[in-house]
Amino acid sequence: LPLRMSCFQSWSLSVASVSLGTDHAVVLTSNNRVFQWGQVECSDGAQGFARRYLPDPVYVEGGLRACRVVQAEACVAGQTVVRTHTGDLFAWTTVEWSEDLHRL
């Protein structure tokens, strides 16, 4: 059965678009933030890389911090691609945990 995802509402964020890949999903909010969840390749620092399941949406910050993202797409093989308002493209397949595990 479908389950309602109330996290965006509880964070006072409005979803502008959602994109589904093979094993993960990406949401772009109306204030141009990108969130990702599902199966992703993660760097756990000293433990190296591992395929991890993120059950809840996690804010993707990193190199996007200073960008205004206008489109976000989840692709096959865990890849995510975003386009900024200037037309620049950013793509990734691997994410790195933040210390608090709330940002990528």
Protein backbone atom coordinates (compact mmCIF):
# COMPACT_ATOMS: atom_id res chain seq x y z
CA LEU A 1 0.00 0.00 0.00
CA PRO A 2 1.19 3.53 -0.68
CA LEU A 3 2.31 5.43 2.40
CA ARG A 4 2.02 9.17 2.85
CA MET A 5 5.41 10.88 3.23
CA SER A 6 4.75 13.57 5.80
CA CYS A 7 8.39 14.58 6.30
CA PHE A 8 8.34 17.42 3.76
CA GLN A 9 5.21 18.90 5.30
CA SER A 10 6.67 18.57 8.81
CA TRP A 11 9.81 20.38 7.56
CA SER A 12 7.58 23.12 6.04
CA LEU A 13 8.85 22.30 2.54
CA SER A 14 6.76 22.18 -0.60
CA VAL A 15 7.64 19.54 -3.21
CA ALA A 16 8.09 20.98 -6.72
CA SER A 17 8.98 17.71 -8.47
CA VAL A 18 9.81 14.09 -7.79
CA SER A 19 11.87 11.72 -9.93
CA LEU A 20 12.22 7.96 -9.53
CA GLY A 21 15.26 5.92 -10.51
CA THR A 22 15.67 2.16 -10.40
CA ASP A 23 16.53 2.07 -6.69
CA HIS A 24 16.32 5.65 -5.45
CA ALA A 25 14.19 8.78 -5.56
CA VAL A 26 14.97 12.50 -5.76
CA VAL A 27 12.78 15.44 -4.77
CA LEU A 28 13.27 19.07 -5.71
CA THR A 29 11.52 21.45 -3.32
CA SER A 30 9.99 24.79 -4.22
CA ASN A 31 12.95 26.55 -2.55
CA ASN A 32 15.39 24.64 -4.81
CA ARG A 33 16.65 22.09 -2.31
CA VAL A 34 17.42 18.53 -3.41
CA PHE A 35 16.58 15.48 -1.27
CA GLN A 36 17.47 11.88 -2.04
CA TRP A 37 16.61 8.47 -0.55
CA GLY A 38 16.61 4.79 -1.42
CA GLN A 39 19.62 2.65 -2.40
CA VAL A 40 22.71 4.83 -2.82
CA GLU A 41 26.48 4.30 -2.92
CA CYS A 42 27.87 6.01 0.18
CA SER A 43 31.31 6.89 1.42
CA ASP A 44 31.53 6.07 5.10
CA GLY A 45 34.96 7.66 5.53
CA ALA A 46 37.47 5.17 6.91
CA GLN A 47 35.11 2.25 6.25
CA GLY A 48 35.17 2.95 2.50
CA PHE A 49 32.27 2.76 0.08
CA ALA A 50 29.13 0.72 0.58
CA ARG A 51 25.69 0.42 -0.95
CA ARG A 52 23.31 1.75 1.70
CA TYR A 53 19.58 2.11 2.00
CA LEU A 54 18.43 5.55 3.09
CA PRO A 55 14.84 5.05 4.29
CA ASP A 56 14.10 8.76 4.66
CA PRO A 57 14.84 11.74 2.40
CA VAL A 58 18.23 13.32 3.08
CA TYR A 59 19.20 16.86 2.06
CA VAL A 60 21.87 16.87 -0.68
CA GLU A 61 24.10 19.85 -0.04
CA GLY A 62 27.79 19.58 -0.95
CA GLY A 63 28.57 21.24 -4.28
CA LEU A 64 24.97 22.38 -4.66
CA ARG A 65 25.13 24.74 -1.67
CA ALA A 66 25.61 27.89 -3.77
CA CYS A 67 23.43 26.76 -6.70
CA ARG A 68 19.79 27.32 -7.53
CA VAL A 69 18.67 23.91 -8.80
CA VAL A 70 15.72 24.01 -11.20
CA GLN A 71 15.55 20.34 -12.24
CA ALA A 72 16.52 17.10 -10.52
CA GLU A 73 16.35 13.62 -12.06
CA ALA A 74 16.96 10.17 -10.61
CA CYS A 75 18.48 7.92 -13.27
CA VAL A 76 19.43 4.26 -13.59
CA ALA A 77 22.30 2.69 -11.63
CA GLY A 78 21.85 5.13 -8.74
CA GLN A 79 22.89 8.20 -10.70
CA THR A 80 21.33 11.60 -10.01
CA VAL A 81 21.55 14.61 -12.31
CA VAL A 82 20.51 18.19 -11.53
CA ARG A 83 20.37 21.34 -13.66
CA THR A 84 20.89 24.81 -12.23
CA HIS A 85 19.26 28.07 -13.31
CA THR A 86 22.42 28.91 -15.28
CA GLY A 87 22.24 25.62 -17.21
CA ASP A 88 25.10 23.91 -15.36
CA LEU A 89 24.70 20.17 -14.83
CA PHE A 90 25.82 18.25 -11.76
CA ALA A 91 25.75 14.44 -11.62
CA TRP A 92 26.69 11.92 -8.96
CA THR A 93 26.44 8.26 -8.11
CA THR A 94 28.26 8.33 -4.78
CA VAL A 95 27.39 10.44 -1.77
CA GLU A 96 29.29 11.15 1.43
CA TRP A 97 27.65 11.19 4.84
CA SER A 98 27.77 14.31 6.98
CA GLU A 99 28.70 13.82 10.61
CA ASP A 100 25.07 14.21 11.71
CA LEU A 101 23.79 11.87 8.93
CA HIS A 102 21.21 14.46 7.85
CA ARG A 103 23.02 15.86 4.80
CA LEU A 104 24.82 14.37 1.86
